C-alpha atoms as a PDB file:
ATOM      1  CA  MET A   1    -146.025-129.909  56.694  1.00  0.00           C
ATOM      2  CA  LYS A   2    -143.862-129.691  53.275  1.00  0.00           C
ATOM      3  CA  ASN A   3    -146.885-131.119  51.058  1.00  0.00           C
ATOM      4  CA  GLN A   4    -149.178-127.974  52.436  1.00  0.00           C
ATOM      5  CA  SER A   5    -149.786-125.723  50.155  1.00  0.00           C
ATOM      6  CA  LYS A   6    -151.603-122.191  51.165  1.00  0.00           C
ATOM      7  CA  ILE A   7    -154.034-121.341  48.558  1.00  0.00           C
ATOM      8  CA  GLN A   8    -155.367-118.217  50.174  1.00  0.00           C
ATOM      9  CA  ASN A   9    -153.950-116.344  53.261  1.00  0.00           C
ATOM     10  CA  ALA A  10    -156.730-114.284  54.458  1.00  0.00           C
ATOM     11  CA  LYS A  11    -156.475-111.282  57.484  1.00  0.00           C
ATOM     12  CA  PHE A  12    -158.615-111.744  59.935  1.00  0.00           C
ATOM     13  CA  LYS A  13    -159.912-108.940  62.453  1.00  0.00           C
ATOM     14  CA  THR A  14    -159.794-110.868  65.462  1.00  0.00           C
ATOM     15  CA  LYS A  15    -156.346-111.547  66.622  1.00  0.00           C
ATOM     16  CA  GLU A  16    -157.457-114.667  68.976  1.00  0.00           C
ATOM     17  CA  GLU A  17    -156.662-118.101  68.209  1.00  0.00           C
ATOM     18  CA  PRO A  18    -158.593-119.226  65.378  1.00  0.00           C
ATOM     19  CA  PHE A  19    -161.328-122.700  64.945  1.00  0.00           C
ATOM     20  CA  HIS A  20    -160.058-124.884  61.962  1.00  0.00           C
ATOM     21  CA  LEU A  21    -162.625-126.492  60.086  1.00  0.00           C
ATOM     22  CA  VAL A  22    -161.458-129.780  58.045  1.00  0.00           C
ATOM     23  CA  LEU A  23    -163.108-131.134  54.966  1.00  0.00           C
ATOM     24  CA  ILE A  24    -161.930-134.678  54.059  1.00  0.00           C
ATOM     25  CA  GLU A  25    -162.552-135.046  50.163  1.00  0.00           C
ATOM     26  CA  PRO A  26    -165.106-133.109  49.655  1.00  0.00           C
ATOM     27  CA  GLU A  27    -167.217-134.056  46.640  1.00  0.00           C
ATOM     28  CA  ILE A  28    -169.909-131.057  45.960  1.00  0.00           C
ATOM     29  CA  PRO A  29    -168.325-127.681  44.786  1.00  0.00           C
ATOM     30  CA  PRO A  30    -171.454-125.466  46.195  1.00  0.00           C
ATOM     31  CA  ASN A  31    -171.191-127.033  49.796  1.00  0.00           C
ATOM     32  CA  THR A  32    -167.087-126.211  49.749  1.00  0.00           C
ATOM     33  CA  GLY A  33    -167.565-123.227  48.305  1.00  0.00           C
ATOM     34  CA  ASN A  34    -170.539-122.128  51.294  1.00  0.00           C
ATOM     35  CA  ILE A  35    -168.054-123.600  54.083  1.00  0.00           C
ATOM     36  CA  ALA A  36    -165.490-121.446  52.524  1.00  0.00           C
ATOM     37  CA  ARG A  37    -167.675-118.145  52.837  1.00  0.00           C
ATOM     38  CA  LEU A  38    -168.890-119.421  56.408  1.00  0.00           C
ATOM     39  CA  CYS A  39    -164.903-119.636  57.186  1.00  0.00           C
ATOM     40  CA  GLY A  40    -164.113-116.082  55.764  1.00  0.00           C
ATOM     41  CA  ALA A  41    -167.025-114.775  58.018  1.00  0.00           C
ATOM     42  CA  THR A  42    -165.860-116.237  61.040  1.00  0.00           C
ATOM     43  CA  GLY A  43    -162.246-115.980  60.855  1.00  0.00           C
ATOM     44  CA  THR A  44    -161.747-119.664  60.927  1.00  0.00           C
ATOM     45  CA  VAL A  45    -159.032-121.598  58.945  1.00  0.00           C
ATOM     46  CA  LEU A  46    -159.948-124.072  56.294  1.00  0.00           C
ATOM     47  CA  HIS A  47    -158.395-126.817  55.798  1.00  0.00           C
ATOM     48  CA  LEU A  48    -159.013-129.498  52.677  1.00  0.00           C
ATOM     49  CA  VAL A  49    -157.615-132.853  52.724  1.00  0.00           C
ATOM     50  CA  GLY A  50    -157.071-135.587  50.302  1.00  0.00           C
ATOM     51  CA  LYS A  51    -158.713-135.758  46.980  1.00  0.00           C
ATOM     52  CA  LEU A  52    -161.174-133.318  46.144  1.00  0.00           C
ATOM     53  CA  GLY A  53    -164.317-134.273  44.085  1.00  0.00           C
ATOM     54  CA  PHE A  54    -163.519-131.114  41.888  1.00  0.00           C
ATOM     55  CA  SER A  55    -161.096-128.464  40.920  1.00  0.00           C
ATOM     56  CA  ILE A  56    -160.317-125.531  42.853  1.00  0.00           C
ATOM     57  CA  ASP A  57    -161.013-123.391  39.654  1.00  0.00           C
ATOM     58  CA  ASP A  58    -164.526-125.044  39.643  1.00  0.00           C
ATOM     59  CA  LYS A  59    -167.544-122.185  38.413  1.00  0.00           C
ATOM     60  CA  GLN A  60    -169.551-123.832  41.038  1.00  0.00           C
ATOM     61  CA  LEU A  61    -167.325-123.558  43.887  1.00  0.00           C
ATOM     62  CA  LYS A  62    -166.426-120.320  43.219  1.00  0.00           C
ATOM     63  CA  ARG A  63    -169.890-119.105  42.607  1.00  0.00           C
ATOM     64  CA  ALA A  64    -171.034-120.349  46.012  1.00  0.00           C
ATOM     65  CA  GLY A  65    -167.963-118.653  47.702  1.00  0.00           C
ATOM     66  CA  LEU A  66    -169.342-115.469  45.603  1.00  0.00           C
ATOM     67  CA  ASP A  67    -166.662-112.437  46.157  1.00  0.00           C
ATOM     68  CA  TYR A  68    -165.506-113.676  49.650  1.00  0.00           C
ATOM     69  CA  TRP A  69    -162.556-115.946  48.544  1.00  0.00           C
ATOM     70  CA  HIS A  70    -159.795-113.224  49.595  1.00  0.00           C
ATOM     71  CA  THR A  71    -161.338-113.438  53.039  1.00  0.00           C
ATOM     72  CA  VAL A  72    -160.778-116.978  53.436  1.00  0.00           C
ATOM     73  CA  ASP A  73    -157.687-118.809  55.136  1.00  0.00           C
ATOM     74  CA  ILE A  74    -157.366-122.079  52.920  1.00  0.00           C
ATOM     75  CA  ARG A  75    -154.699-124.617  53.271  1.00  0.00           C
ATOM     76  CA  ARG A  76    -154.342-127.879  51.085  1.00  0.00           C
ATOM     77  CA  TRP A  77    -153.101-131.139  52.517  1.00  0.00           C
ATOM     78  CA  ASP A  78    -152.213-134.809  50.941  1.00  0.00           C
ATOM     79  CA  SER A  79    -153.828-136.445  54.028  1.00  0.00           C
ATOM     80  CA  LEU A  80    -154.959-136.069  57.514  1.00  0.00           C
ATOM     81  CA  GLU A  81    -151.881-137.715  59.101  1.00  0.00           C
ATOM     82  CA  GLU A  82    -149.854-135.010  57.674  1.00  0.00           C
ATOM     83  CA  LEU A  83    -152.230-132.306  58.919  1.00  0.00           C
ATOM     84  CA  GLN A  84    -152.374-134.069  62.232  1.00  0.00           C
ATOM     85  CA  GLN A  85    -148.698-134.127  62.523  1.00  0.00           C
ATOM     86  CA  ALA A  86    -148.299-130.173  61.634  1.00  0.00           C
ATOM     87  CA  PHE A  87    -150.590-129.411  64.254  1.00  0.00           C
ATOM     88  CA  ALA A  88    -149.533-132.027  66.896  1.00  0.00           C
ATOM     89  CA  GLY A  89    -151.053-131.374  70.451  1.00  0.00           C
ATOM     90  CA  SER A  90    -154.318-129.829  69.283  1.00  0.00           C
ATOM     91  CA  ARG A  91    -157.636-131.143  69.677  1.00  0.00           C
ATOM     92  CA  TRP A  92    -159.694-132.887  66.870  1.00  0.00           C
ATOM     93  CA  TRP A  93    -163.675-133.141  66.883  1.00  0.00           C
ATOM     94  CA  TYR A  94    -164.796-135.705  64.201  1.00  0.00           C
ATOM     95  CA  THR A  95    -168.409-135.083  63.117  1.00  0.00           C
ATOM     96  CA  SER A  96    -170.320-138.648  62.300  1.00  0.00           C
ATOM     97  CA  LYS A  97    -174.256-139.408  63.092  1.00  0.00           C
ATOM     98  CA  LYS A  98    -172.746-142.564  64.717  1.00  0.00           C
ATOM     99  CA  ALA A  99    -171.010-140.812  67.392  1.00  0.00           C
ATOM    100  CA  THR A 100    -173.052-140.514  70.835  1.00  0.00           C
ATOM    101  CA  LEU A 101    -171.737-137.116  72.197  1.00  0.00           C
ATOM    102  CA  SER A 102    -173.893-134.522  70.985  1.00  0.00           C
ATOM    103  CA  TYR A 103    -172.131-131.481  69.447  1.00  0.00           C
ATOM    104  CA  ALA A 104    -174.043-129.316  72.046  1.00  0.00           C
ATOM    105  CA  GLU A 105    -172.397-131.634  74.669  1.00  0.00           C
ATOM    106  CA  ALA A 106    -168.781-130.996  73.392  1.00  0.00           C
ATOM    107  CA  ASP A 107    -166.372-128.768  75.182  1.00  0.00           C
ATOM    108  CA  PHE A 108    -165.048-126.648  72.263  1.00  0.00           C
ATOM    109  CA  ALA A 109    -161.692-124.061  72.399  1.00  0.00           C
ATOM    110  CA  PRO A 110    -160.320-121.789  69.952  1.00  0.00           C
ATOM    111  CA  GLY A 111    -157.844-124.093  68.204  1.00  0.00           C
ATOM    112  CA  ASP A 112    -159.925-127.082  67.982  1.00  0.00           C
ATOM    113  CA  PHE A 113    -160.196-128.819  64.733  1.00  0.00           C
ATOM    114  CA  LEU A 114    -163.769-129.572  63.591  1.00  0.00           C
ATOM    115  CA  VAL A 115    -163.433-132.318  60.993  1.00  0.00           C
ATOM    116  CA  PHE A 116    -165.890-133.645  58.420  1.00  0.00           C
ATOM    117  CA  GLY A 117    -166.071-136.255  56.080  1.00  0.00           C
ATOM    118  CA  LYS A 118    -166.950-136.607  52.570  1.00  0.00           C
ATOM    119  CA  GLU A 119    -170.422-135.572  51.467  1.00  0.00           C
ATOM    120  CA  THR A 120    -171.461-139.328  50.448  1.00  0.00           C
ATOM    121  CA  LEU A 121    -169.757-141.458  53.044  1.00  0.00           C
ATOM    122  CA  GLY A 122    -168.968-139.484  56.130  1.00  0.00           C
ATOM    123  CA  LEU A 123    -165.304-140.053  58.009  1.00  0.00           C
ATOM    124  CA  PRO A 124    -163.946-143.382  57.637  1.00  0.00           C
ATOM    125  CA  GLU A 125    -165.010-146.071  60.309  1.00  0.00           C
ATOM    126  CA  GLU A 126    -161.433-146.659  61.505  1.00  0.00           C
ATOM    127  CA  LEU A 127    -160.677-143.065  62.454  1.00  0.00           C
ATOM    128  CA  LEU A 128    -163.823-143.086  64.533  1.00  0.00           C
ATOM    129  CA  ALA A 129    -163.260-146.021  66.226  1.00  0.00           C
ATOM    130  CA  ALA A 130    -159.560-144.917  67.326  1.00  0.00           C
ATOM    131  CA  ASN A 131    -161.065-141.639  68.583  1.00  0.00           C
ATOM    132  CA  PRO A 132    -164.776-142.502  70.145  1.00  0.00           C
ATOM    133  CA  ASP A 133    -164.396-139.594  72.963  1.00  0.00           C
ATOM    134  CA  GLN A 134    -163.905-136.810  69.949  1.00  0.00           C
ATOM    135  CA  GLY A 135    -166.666-137.854  68.090  1.00  0.00           C
ATOM    136  CA  ILE A 136    -169.841-135.528  67.832  1.00  0.00           C
ATOM    137  CA  ARG A 137    -173.238-135.699  66.151  1.00  0.00           C
ATOM    138  CA  ILE A 138    -175.889-133.197  65.251  1.00  0.00           C
ATOM    139  CA  PRO A 139    -179.291-135.131  66.368  1.00  0.00           C
ATOM    140  CA  ILE A 140    -181.893-135.784  63.950  1.00  0.00           C
ATOM    141  CA  PHE A 141    -184.987-136.188  64.833  1.00  0.00           C
ATOM    142  CA  SER A 142    -186.637-138.002  61.704  1.00  0.00           C
ATOM    143  CA  GLU A 143    -185.569-141.204  60.753  1.00  0.00           C
ATOM    144  CA  ASP A 144    -186.552-140.759  57.152  1.00  0.00           C
ATOM    145  CA  VAL A 145    -183.569-138.282  57.146  1.00  0.00           C
ATOM    146  CA  ARG A 146    -180.189-140.055  57.046  1.00  0.00           C
ATOM    147  CA  SER A 147    -178.266-136.778  57.137  1.00  0.00           C
ATOM    148  CA  LEU A 148    -177.709-132.960  56.999  1.00  0.00           C
ATOM    149  CA  ASN A 149    -176.085-131.356  54.056  1.00  0.00           C
ATOM    150  CA  LEU A 150    -172.381-130.651  54.851  1.00  0.00           C
ATOM    151  CA  SER A 151    -172.216-126.871  54.847  1.00  0.00           C
ATOM    152  CA  THR A 152    -175.382-126.916  57.249  1.00  0.00           C
ATOM    153  CA  ALA A 153    -173.736-129.021  59.614  1.00  0.00           C
ATOM    154  CA  ALA A 154    -170.418-127.357  59.638  1.00  0.00           C
ATOM    155  CA  GLY A 155    -172.300-123.990  60.074  1.00  0.00           C
ATOM    156  CA  ILE A 156    -174.408-125.452  62.968  1.00  0.00           C
ATOM    157  CA  VAL A 157    -171.075-126.843  64.708  1.00  0.00           C
ATOM    158  CA  LEU A 158    -168.968-123.873  63.849  1.00  0.00           C
ATOM    159  CA  TYR A 159    -171.206-121.557  65.504  1.00  0.00           C
ATOM    160  CA  GLU A 160    -171.662-123.737  68.573  1.00  0.00           C
ATOM    161  CA  ALA A 161    -167.857-123.682  69.208  1.00  0.00           C
ATOM    162  CA  LEU A 162    -167.856-119.737  68.693  1.00  0.00           C
ATOM    163  CA  ARG A 163    -170.508-119.534  71.105  1.00  0.00           C
ATOM    164  CA  GLN A 164    -168.707-121.255  73.841  1.00  0.00           C
ATOM    165  CA  ALA A 165    -165.424-119.354  73.348  1.00  0.00           C
ATOM    166  CA  LYS A 166    -167.755-116.157  73.719  1.00  0.00           C
ATOM    167  CA  ARG A 167    -167.182-114.808  70.160  1.00  0.00           C
ATOM    168  CA  LEU A 168    -170.890-114.418  69.348  1.00  0.00           C
ATOM    169  CA  ALA A 169    -171.443-111.149  71.028  1.00  0.00           C
END
């Protein structure tokens, strides 16, 4: 964990074990800003992994997060492998339109890591192939729509995880 850097350490209202939302090489600042706000609102830890397509100081990133940045526990990692070693024994869910299991059929638990790939390419094929039972998808009912926006997808999956953990009451 020597290469991990904590960008921001927020104080969450809940003492329960948090969920973790992982963005691998995010490219679009407003998506990451929206997801950061989502994490701040839900007490979810945000992990940014690999090469980012923007600077952490980007105006669009900060604008999308508005004045909520102090509410977000953001951690920065050089690689997914480094993050996984730091949290060995944790459960990981990999989102992909190619997965067979719907996110609504997954059995989420506090402490789980919800992993999302970059906007243009998604997660690497070899990662999905190595973890077929942990791959989840959000059904899309139109053949003309390839994917959902990253921040929309993150919100859908995270709120289902929170629902299953009975944290939405």
